Amino acid sequence: MGRAYQNRKESMAKTSDAKAKVYSKYGREIYVIAKAGGIDPDGNLALRSMIDRAKKDQVPSHVIEKAIEKAKGGGGEDFATARYEGYGPGSCMVIVDCLTDNPNRTFGDVRICFTKTKSKIGTQGSVSHMFDHSAILVFSGDDEDAALEALMEADVDVSDIESDDGKITVFTPHTEYFKAKQALSDTFEGIDFDVDEIQFVPQNTAPIPEADKEMFEKFLEMLNDLDDVQNIYHNAEI
C-alpha cells in the first residue's frame, strides 16, 4: 500500500509566478503532442488526455487553444524530449524530463542546477532502472475487486492496485495507459480521475537527511525555474 508517486502540480514550480510556468509547460507539451499526432483530440488520444489534465490543473482555454493553433500551422519550434538522471542532495535519485529546442543549452542549464547544489548528474540509465515507468489512475470508489476484474477482462497488465480512504489507485506499465483508462471508463459510468498520469515511480524511497533538506528544496526550485523542464521525479521522502 501507499506506493510513492508525485502529483503533477506538486512537481511544478512553487514560485510567485507558478501559474504562468504551469501554463507554459502545458502549452509546450500540448503543442508537441498535437504537432506529432494531429490536432483532433478524438483521433489523438494523447492530446485528449493532456487537454483533460490541463483543464484539471485550471489551465485557461485560451492557452490550450493557442498551443493547438500553433501546431495546426505546422511551423514553429522543433522541440525534442531530453531526459537527465543523477543524484541530488542527500544522495536522492532524480530524473528530469525536458522538452527543448536547444539540447546543448538545456543540458548546460540542468547541469548547473546539479553542480550548484553539490549534486551529481549521471549518464542515461544511471538511476532510471530504480524507477518504474508507470501509468497512474486514481478515482473515487471502494470496489477494488470490480476495478481489477474490469482491467483483467480488458487484458491490462496491472502492476498494483490499492484502495484507501475512498480512493482506488491503479498502477500499470506506461504502455498500458490508454487500455487501462478505457477499461475503467467503460466499467464505471461517469468516472472522474483525480490522477491521470504517466510517471516514473521510485521502487524505494529514502528520507532526506535534515542537513540536506534546504539544499534539496533549492535544487528543486532551480530545476522548476527552467522553462525546458517539464517534470521532476525523485525517490526522496518529503
C-alpha atoms as a PDB file:
ATOM      1  CA  MET A   1       0.000   0.000   0.000  1.00  0.00           C
ATOM      2  CA  GLY A   2       0.946   3.605  -0.469  1.00  0.00           C
ATOM      3  CA  ARG A   3       3.379   3.469  -3.391  1.00  0.00           C
ATOM      4  CA  ALA A   4       5.067   6.855  -3.678  1.00  0.00           C
ATOM      5  CA  TYR A   5       4.129   8.928  -6.693  1.00  0.00           C
ATOM      6  CA  GLN A   6       4.176  12.665  -7.247  1.00  0.00           C
ATOM      7  CA  ASN A   7       1.169  14.749  -8.095  1.00  0.00           C
ATOM      8  CA  ARG A   8       1.893  16.653 -11.294  1.00  0.00           C
ATOM      9  CA  LYS A   9       1.105  20.013  -9.710  1.00  0.00           C
ATOM     10  CA  GLU A  10       3.466  19.298  -6.823  1.00  0.00           C
ATOM     11  CA  SER A  11       6.325  18.755  -9.260  1.00  0.00           C
ATOM     12  CA  MET A  12       5.736  22.122 -10.914  1.00  0.00           C
ATOM     13  CA  ALA A  13       7.226  25.444  -9.831  1.00  0.00           C
ATOM     14  CA  LYS A  14       6.106  26.857  -6.494  1.00  0.00           C
ATOM     15  CA  THR A  15       7.338  30.409  -7.003  1.00  0.00           C
ATOM     16  CA  SER A  16       5.174  33.538  -7.234  1.00  0.00           C
ATOM     17  CA  ASP A  17       4.776  33.072 -10.995  1.00  0.00           C
ATOM     18  CA  ALA A  18       3.903  29.383 -10.601  1.00  0.00           C
ATOM     19  CA  LYS A  19       0.701  29.637 -12.620  1.00  0.00           C
ATOM     20  CA  ALA A  20       2.439  31.192 -15.605  1.00  0.00           C
ATOM     21  CA  LYS A  21       5.059  28.445 -15.524  1.00  0.00           C
ATOM     22  CA  VAL A  22       2.420  25.719 -15.323  1.00  0.00           C
ATOM     23  CA  TYR A  23       0.566  27.257 -18.281  1.00  0.00           C
ATOM     24  CA  SER A  24       3.805  27.456 -20.273  1.00  0.00           C
ATOM     25  CA  LYS A  25       4.709  23.831 -19.550  1.00  0.00           C
ATOM     26  CA  TYR A  26       1.274  22.573 -20.541  1.00  0.00           C
ATOM     27  CA  GLY A  27       1.210  24.786 -23.634  1.00  0.00           C
ATOM     28  CA  ARG A  28       4.529  23.398 -24.815  1.00  0.00           C
ATOM     29  CA  GLU A  29       3.503  19.785 -24.180  1.00  0.00           C
ATOM     30  CA  ILE A  30       0.128  20.189 -25.906  1.00  0.00           C
ATOM     31  CA  TYR A  31       1.870  21.781 -28.898  1.00  0.00           C
ATOM     32  CA  VAL A  32       4.355  18.913 -29.205  1.00  0.00           C
ATOM     33  CA  ILE A  33       1.687  16.203 -28.889  1.00  0.00           C
ATOM     34  CA  ALA A  34      -0.671  17.939 -31.335  1.00  0.00           C
ATOM     35  CA  LYS A  35       2.099  18.513 -33.867  1.00  0.00           C
ATOM     36  CA  ALA A  36       3.196  14.881 -33.667  1.00  0.00           C
ATOM     37  CA  GLY A  37      -0.190  13.148 -33.611  1.00  0.00           C
ATOM     38  CA  GLY A  38      -2.721  15.580 -35.040  1.00  0.00           C
ATOM     39  CA  ILE A  39      -4.831  18.405 -33.632  1.00  0.00           C
ATOM     40  CA  ASP A  40      -8.089  16.422 -33.306  1.00  0.00           C
ATOM     41  CA  PRO A  41      -8.426  15.147 -29.709  1.00  0.00           C
ATOM     42  CA  ASP A  42     -10.824  12.427 -30.883  1.00  0.00           C
ATOM     43  CA  GLY A  43      -8.132  10.975 -33.110  1.00  0.00           C
ATOM     44  CA  ASN A  44      -5.177  11.777 -30.865  1.00  0.00           C
ATOM     45  CA  LEU A  45      -5.740  10.088 -27.504  1.00  0.00           C
ATOM     46  CA  ALA A  46      -2.528  11.503 -26.047  1.00  0.00           C
ATOM     47  CA  LEU A  47      -3.704  15.021 -26.882  1.00  0.00           C
ATOM     48  CA  ARG A  48      -7.141  14.393 -25.402  1.00  0.00           C
ATOM     49  CA  SER A  49      -5.603  13.132 -22.159  1.00  0.00           C
ATOM     50  CA  MET A  50      -3.227  16.084 -21.969  1.00  0.00           C
ATOM     51  CA  ILE A  51      -6.068  18.569 -22.517  1.00  0.00           C
ATOM     52  CA  ASP A  52      -8.112  16.891 -19.778  1.00  0.00           C
ATOM     53  CA  ARG A  53      -5.119  17.060 -17.455  1.00  0.00           C
ATOM     54  CA  ALA A  54      -4.540  20.729 -18.261  1.00  0.00           C
ATOM     55  CA  LYS A  55      -8.149  21.582 -17.520  1.00  0.00           C
ATOM     56  CA  LYS A  56      -7.932  19.813 -14.152  1.00  0.00           C
ATOM     57  CA  ASP A  57      -4.922  21.991 -13.351  1.00  0.00           C
ATOM     58  CA  GLN A  58      -7.031  25.023 -14.279  1.00  0.00           C
ATOM     59  CA  VAL A  59      -5.088  25.947 -17.398  1.00  0.00           C
ATOM     60  CA  PRO A  60      -7.186  28.561 -19.275  1.00  0.00           C
ATOM     61  CA  SER A  61      -8.848  27.508 -22.522  1.00  0.00           C
ATOM     62  CA  HIS A  62      -7.052  30.209 -24.499  1.00  0.00           C
ATOM     63  CA  VAL A  63      -3.669  28.671 -23.546  1.00  0.00           C
ATOM     64  CA  ILE A  64      -4.799  25.259 -24.795  1.00  0.00           C
ATOM     65  CA  GLU A  65      -6.325  26.672 -27.985  1.00  0.00           C
ATOM     66  CA  LYS A  66      -3.238  28.750 -28.745  1.00  0.00           C
ATOM     67  CA  ALA A  67      -0.986  25.688 -28.471  1.00  0.00           C
ATOM     68  CA  ILE A  68      -3.230  23.666 -30.794  1.00  0.00           C
ATOM     69  CA  GLU A  69      -3.472  26.508 -33.328  1.00  0.00           C
ATOM     70  CA  LYS A  70       0.299  26.796 -33.275  1.00  0.00           C
ATOM     71  CA  ALA A  71       0.601  23.077 -34.024  1.00  0.00           C
ATOM     72  CA  LYS A  72      -2.014  23.389 -36.762  1.00  0.00           C
ATOM     73  CA  GLY A  73       0.208  25.854 -38.587  1.00  0.00           C
ATOM     74  CA  GLY A  74       2.913  23.243 -38.901  1.00  0.00           C
ATOM     75  CA  GLY A  75       5.740  25.685 -38.271  1.00  0.00           C
ATOM     76  CA  GLY A  76       7.145  26.957 -35.010  1.00  0.00           C
ATOM     77  CA  GLU A  77       9.695  25.399 -32.733  1.00  0.00           C
ATOM     78  CA  ASP A  78      11.014  21.903 -33.184  1.00  0.00           C
ATOM     79  CA  PHE A  79      11.027  20.541 -29.641  1.00  0.00           C
ATOM     80  CA  ALA A  80      12.673  17.280 -28.677  1.00  0.00           C
ATOM     81  CA  THR A  81      12.489  15.288 -25.453  1.00  0.00           C
ATOM     82  CA  ALA A  82      15.520  15.157 -23.211  1.00  0.00           C
ATOM     83  CA  ARG A  83      15.956  13.169 -20.010  1.00  0.00           C
ATOM     84  CA  TYR A  84      18.672  13.665 -17.413  1.00  0.00           C
ATOM     85  CA  GLU A  85      19.421  11.480 -14.410  1.00  0.00           C
ATOM     86  CA  GLY A  86      21.588  11.731 -11.369  1.00  0.00           C
ATOM     87  CA  TYR A  87      21.853  12.107  -7.625  1.00  0.00           C
ATOM     88  CA  GLY A  88      20.516  15.158  -5.826  1.00  0.00           C
ATOM     89  CA  PRO A  89      21.171  16.482  -2.317  1.00  0.00           C
ATOM     90  CA  GLY A  90      21.152  13.739   0.288  1.00  0.00           C
ATOM     91  CA  SER A  91      22.021  11.210  -2.445  1.00  0.00           C
ATOM     92  CA  CYS A  92      18.402  11.008  -3.612  1.00  0.00           C
ATOM     93  CA  MET A  93      17.850   9.647  -7.113  1.00  0.00           C
ATOM     94  CA  VAL A  94      16.473  12.153  -9.624  1.00  0.00           C
ATOM     95  CA  ILE A  95      15.047  12.039 -13.150  1.00  0.00           C
ATOM     96  CA  VAL A  96      14.476  15.323 -15.011  1.00  0.00           C
ATOM     97  CA  ASP A  97      12.275  15.300 -18.120  1.00  0.00           C
ATOM     98  CA  CYS A  98      12.567  18.213 -20.543  1.00  0.00           C
ATOM     99  CA  LEU A  99      11.223  19.493 -23.847  1.00  0.00           C
ATOM    100  CA  THR A 100      13.838  21.550 -25.624  1.00  0.00           C
ATOM    101  CA  ASP A 101      14.599  23.295 -28.895  1.00  0.00           C
ATOM    102  CA  ASN A 102      18.269  23.538 -27.924  1.00  0.00           C
ATOM    103  CA  PRO A 103      19.642  20.382 -26.229  1.00  0.00           C
ATOM    104  CA  ASN A 104      23.060  21.906 -25.553  1.00  0.00           C
ATOM    105  CA  ARG A 105      21.527  24.842 -23.715  1.00  0.00           C
ATOM    106  CA  THR A 106      19.173  22.618 -21.737  1.00  0.00           C
ATOM    107  CA  PHE A 107      21.906  20.216 -20.690  1.00  0.00           C
ATOM    108  CA  GLY A 108      24.055  23.124 -19.543  1.00  0.00           C
ATOM    109  CA  ASP A 109      21.195  24.658 -17.551  1.00  0.00           C
ATOM    110  CA  VAL A 110      20.292  21.360 -15.881  1.00  0.00           C
ATOM    111  CA  ARG A 111      23.921  20.585 -15.102  1.00  0.00           C
ATOM    112  CA  ILE A 112      24.290  23.952 -13.332  1.00  0.00           C
ATOM    113  CA  CYS A 113      21.356  23.005 -11.061  1.00  0.00           C
ATOM    114  CA  PHE A 114      23.209  19.831 -10.098  1.00  0.00           C
ATOM    115  CA  THR A 115      26.636  21.405  -9.594  1.00  0.00           C
ATOM    116  CA  LYS A 116      25.396  24.433  -7.632  1.00  0.00           C
ATOM    117  CA  THR A 117      23.632  22.187  -5.130  1.00  0.00           C
ATOM    118  CA  LYS A 118      26.534  19.737  -4.715  1.00  0.00           C
ATOM    119  CA  SER A 119      24.658  17.121  -6.716  1.00  0.00           C
ATOM    120  CA  LYS A 120      25.900  14.787  -9.418  1.00  0.00           C
ATOM    121  CA  ILE A 121      24.421  14.455 -12.888  1.00  0.00           C
ATOM    122  CA  GLY A 122      24.842  10.953 -14.269  1.00  0.00           C
ATOM    123  CA  THR A 123      24.643   9.098 -17.549  1.00  0.00           C
ATOM    124  CA  GLN A 124      21.461   7.816 -19.143  1.00  0.00           C
ATOM    125  CA  GLY A 125      20.179   4.830 -17.177  1.00  0.00           C
ATOM    126  CA  SER A 126      22.199   5.612 -14.065  1.00  0.00           C
ATOM    127  CA  VAL A 127      19.111   5.797 -11.829  1.00  0.00           C
ATOM    128  CA  SER A 128      16.076   5.137 -14.057  1.00  0.00           C
ATOM    129  CA  HIS A 129      16.443   1.378 -13.530  1.00  0.00           C
ATOM    130  CA  MET A 130      15.378   2.054  -9.928  1.00  0.00           C
ATOM    131  CA  PHE A 131      12.063   3.574 -11.081  1.00  0.00           C
ATOM    132  CA  ASP A 132       9.019   2.017 -12.719  1.00  0.00           C
ATOM    133  CA  HIS A 133       7.665   3.903 -15.751  1.00  0.00           C
ATOM    134  CA  SER A 134       4.035   3.657 -14.741  1.00  0.00           C
ATOM    135  CA  ALA A 135       0.597   4.877 -15.668  1.00  0.00           C
ATOM    136  CA  ILE A 136      -1.272   6.032 -12.543  1.00  0.00           C
ATOM    137  CA  LEU A 137      -5.061   6.312 -12.399  1.00  0.00           C
ATOM    138  CA  VAL A 138      -6.784   7.422  -9.197  1.00  0.00           C
ATOM    139  CA  PHE A 139     -10.551   7.707  -8.827  1.00  0.00           C
ATOM    140  CA  SER A 140     -13.245   7.659  -6.146  1.00  0.00           C
ATOM    141  CA  GLY A 141     -14.517   4.235  -5.175  1.00  0.00           C
ATOM    142  CA  ASP A 142     -14.076   1.332  -2.811  1.00  0.00           C
ATOM    143  CA  ASP A 143     -14.760  -1.698  -5.024  1.00  0.00           C
ATOM    144  CA  GLU A 144     -11.198  -2.691  -5.738  1.00  0.00           C
ATOM    145  CA  ASP A 145     -12.277  -6.158  -6.922  1.00  0.00           C
ATOM    146  CA  ALA A 146     -14.602  -4.712  -9.575  1.00  0.00           C
ATOM    147  CA  ALA A 147     -11.836  -2.444 -10.851  1.00  0.00           C
ATOM    148  CA  LEU A 148      -9.360  -5.295 -11.010  1.00  0.00           C
ATOM    149  CA  GLU A 149     -11.875  -7.536 -12.769  1.00  0.00           C
ATOM    150  CA  ALA A 150     -12.538  -4.856 -15.397  1.00  0.00           C
ATOM    151  CA  LEU A 151      -8.829  -4.461 -16.036  1.00  0.00           C
ATOM    152  CA  MET A 152      -8.260  -8.204 -16.223  1.00  0.00           C
ATOM    153  CA  GLU A 153     -11.120  -8.652 -18.697  1.00  0.00           C
ATOM    154  CA  ALA A 154      -9.549  -5.960 -20.879  1.00  0.00           C
ATOM    155  CA  ASP A 155      -6.247  -7.850 -20.718  1.00  0.00           C
ATOM    156  CA  VAL A 156      -4.498  -4.994 -18.917  1.00  0.00           C
ATOM    157  CA  ASP A 157      -1.216  -5.797 -17.203  1.00  0.00           C
ATOM    158  CA  VAL A 158      -1.814  -4.413 -13.693  1.00  0.00           C
ATOM    159  CA  SER A 159       1.318  -3.701 -11.673  1.00  0.00           C
ATOM    160  CA  ASP A 160      -0.541  -2.810  -8.481  1.00  0.00           C
ATOM    161  CA  ILE A 161      -3.956  -1.707  -7.268  1.00  0.00           C
ATOM    162  CA  GLU A 162      -4.728  -0.029  -3.953  1.00  0.00           C
ATOM    163  CA  SER A 163      -7.899   1.032  -2.162  1.00  0.00           C
ATOM    164  CA  ASP A 164      -7.619   3.551   0.626  1.00  0.00           C
ATOM    165  CA  ASP A 165      -9.881   6.222   2.132  1.00  0.00           C
ATOM    166  CA  GLY A 166     -12.478   6.032  -0.635  1.00  0.00           C
ATOM    167  CA  LYS A 167      -9.932   6.182  -3.460  1.00  0.00           C
ATOM    168  CA  ILE A 168      -8.766   3.429  -5.797  1.00  0.00           C
ATOM    169  CA  THR A 169      -5.280   3.748  -7.276  1.00  0.00           C
ATOM    170  CA  VAL A 170      -4.240   1.671 -10.276  1.00  0.00           C
ATOM    171  CA  PHE A 171      -0.636   1.266 -11.434  1.00  0.00           C
ATOM    172  CA  THR A 172       0.094  -0.245 -14.838  1.00  0.00           C
ATOM    173  CA  PRO A 173       3.102  -0.159 -17.187  1.00  0.00           C
ATOM    174  CA  HIS A 174       3.060   3.096 -19.168  1.00  0.00           C
ATOM    175  CA  THR A 175       2.368   1.140 -22.359  1.00  0.00           C
ATOM    176  CA  GLU A 176      -0.991   0.026 -20.887  1.00  0.00           C
ATOM    177  CA  TYR A 177      -2.191   3.559 -20.091  1.00  0.00           C
ATOM    178  CA  PHE A 178      -4.878   4.033 -22.750  1.00  0.00           C
ATOM    179  CA  LYS A 179      -6.180   0.472 -22.457  1.00  0.00           C
ATOM    180  CA  ALA A 180      -6.450   0.750 -18.667  1.00  0.00           C
ATOM    181  CA  LYS A 181      -8.175   4.116 -18.773  1.00  0.00           C
ATOM    182  CA  GLN A 182     -10.686   2.910 -21.366  1.00  0.00           C
ATOM    183  CA  ALA A 183     -11.463  -0.259 -19.386  1.00  0.00           C
ATOM    184  CA  LEU A 184     -12.186   1.723 -16.225  1.00  0.00           C
ATOM    185  CA  SER A 185     -14.214   4.338 -18.101  1.00  0.00           C
ATOM    186  CA  ASP A 186     -16.346   1.612 -19.674  1.00  0.00           C
ATOM    187  CA  THR A 187     -16.962  -0.063 -16.312  1.00  0.00           C
ATOM    188  CA  PHE A 188     -17.569   2.897 -14.017  1.00  0.00           C
ATOM    189  CA  GLU A 189     -20.083   5.307 -15.500  1.00  0.00           C
ATOM    190  CA  GLY A 190     -19.162   8.966 -15.053  1.00  0.00           C
ATOM    191  CA  ILE A 191     -15.723   8.150 -13.670  1.00  0.00           C
ATOM    192  CA  ASP A 192     -13.609  11.207 -12.857  1.00  0.00           C
ATOM    193  CA  PHE A 193      -9.895  10.621 -12.444  1.00  0.00           C
ATOM    194  CA  ASP A 194      -8.197  12.565  -9.642  1.00  0.00           C
ATOM    195  CA  VAL A 195      -4.827  11.494 -11.030  1.00  0.00           C
ATOM    196  CA  ASP A 196      -4.410  10.544 -14.681  1.00  0.00           C
ATOM    197  CA  GLU A 197      -0.706  10.493 -15.496  1.00  0.00           C
ATOM    198  CA  ILE A 198       2.362   8.620 -16.616  1.00  0.00           C
ATOM    199  CA  GLN A 199       5.244   8.974 -14.177  1.00  0.00           C
ATOM    200  CA  PHE A 200       8.485   7.452 -13.014  1.00  0.00           C
ATOM    201  CA  VAL A 201       7.588   5.851  -9.692  1.00  0.00           C
ATOM    202  CA  PRO A 202      10.510   5.005  -7.384  1.00  0.00           C
ATOM    203  CA  GLN A 203      10.812   1.366  -6.386  1.00  0.00           C
ATOM    204  CA  ASN A 204      12.088   2.511  -2.997  1.00  0.00           C
ATOM    205  CA  THR A 205      12.087   5.847  -1.193  1.00  0.00           C
ATOM    206  CA  ALA A 206      14.617   7.294   1.245  1.00  0.00           C
ATOM    207  CA  PRO A 207      14.446  10.189   3.726  1.00  0.00           C
ATOM    208  CA  ILE A 208      16.481  13.311   3.048  1.00  0.00           C
ATOM    209  CA  PRO A 209      18.926  13.975   5.924  1.00  0.00           C
ATOM    210  CA  GLU A 210      17.999  17.082   7.879  1.00  0.00           C
ATOM    211  CA  ALA A 211      21.260  18.778   6.876  1.00  0.00           C
ATOM    212  CA  ASP A 212      20.392  18.375   3.180  1.00  0.00           C
ATOM    213  CA  LYS A 213      16.733  19.418   3.198  1.00  0.00           C
ATOM    214  CA  GLU A 214      17.337  23.100   2.482  1.00  0.00           C
ATOM    215  CA  MET A 215      19.682  22.271  -0.394  1.00  0.00           C
ATOM    216  CA  PHE A 216      17.169  19.751  -1.755  1.00  0.00           C
ATOM    217  CA  GLU A 217      14.443  22.423  -1.847  1.00  0.00           C
ATOM    218  CA  LYS A 218      16.842  24.806  -3.607  1.00  0.00           C
ATOM    219  CA  PHE A 219      17.676  22.076  -6.114  1.00  0.00           C
ATOM    220  CA  LEU A 220      14.002  21.536  -6.989  1.00  0.00           C
ATOM    221  CA  GLU A 221      13.342  25.267  -7.233  1.00  0.00           C
ATOM    222  CA  MET A 222      16.280  25.799  -9.580  1.00  0.00           C
ATOM    223  CA  LEU A 223      15.106  22.985 -11.859  1.00  0.00           C
ATOM    224  CA  ASN A 224      11.499  24.165 -11.813  1.00  0.00           C
ATOM    225  CA  ASP A 225      12.613  27.665 -12.787  1.00  0.00           C
ATOM    226  CA  LEU A 226      13.968  26.306 -16.087  1.00  0.00           C
ATOM    227  CA  ASP A 227      11.467  26.705 -18.914  1.00  0.00           C
ATOM    228  CA  ASP A 228      12.621  23.478 -20.580  1.00  0.00           C
ATOM    229  CA  VAL A 229      11.973  21.292 -17.526  1.00  0.00           C
ATOM    230  CA  GLN A 230       8.597  19.568 -17.695  1.00  0.00           C
ATOM    231  CA  ASN A 231       8.704  17.111 -14.796  1.00  0.00           C
ATOM    232  CA  ILE A 232      11.000  16.099 -11.961  1.00  0.00           C
ATOM    233  CA  TYR A 233      10.858  12.670 -10.338  1.00  0.00           C
ATOM    234  CA  HIS A 234      12.793  11.588  -7.275  1.00  0.00           C
ATOM    235  CA  ASN A 235      12.804   8.966  -4.545  1.00  0.00           C
ATOM    236  CA  ALA A 236      13.108  11.395  -1.639  1.00  0.00           C
ATOM    237  CA  GLU A 237      10.616  11.164   1.207  1.00  0.00           C
ATOM    238  CA  ILE A 238       9.186  14.650   1.693  1.00  0.00           C
END
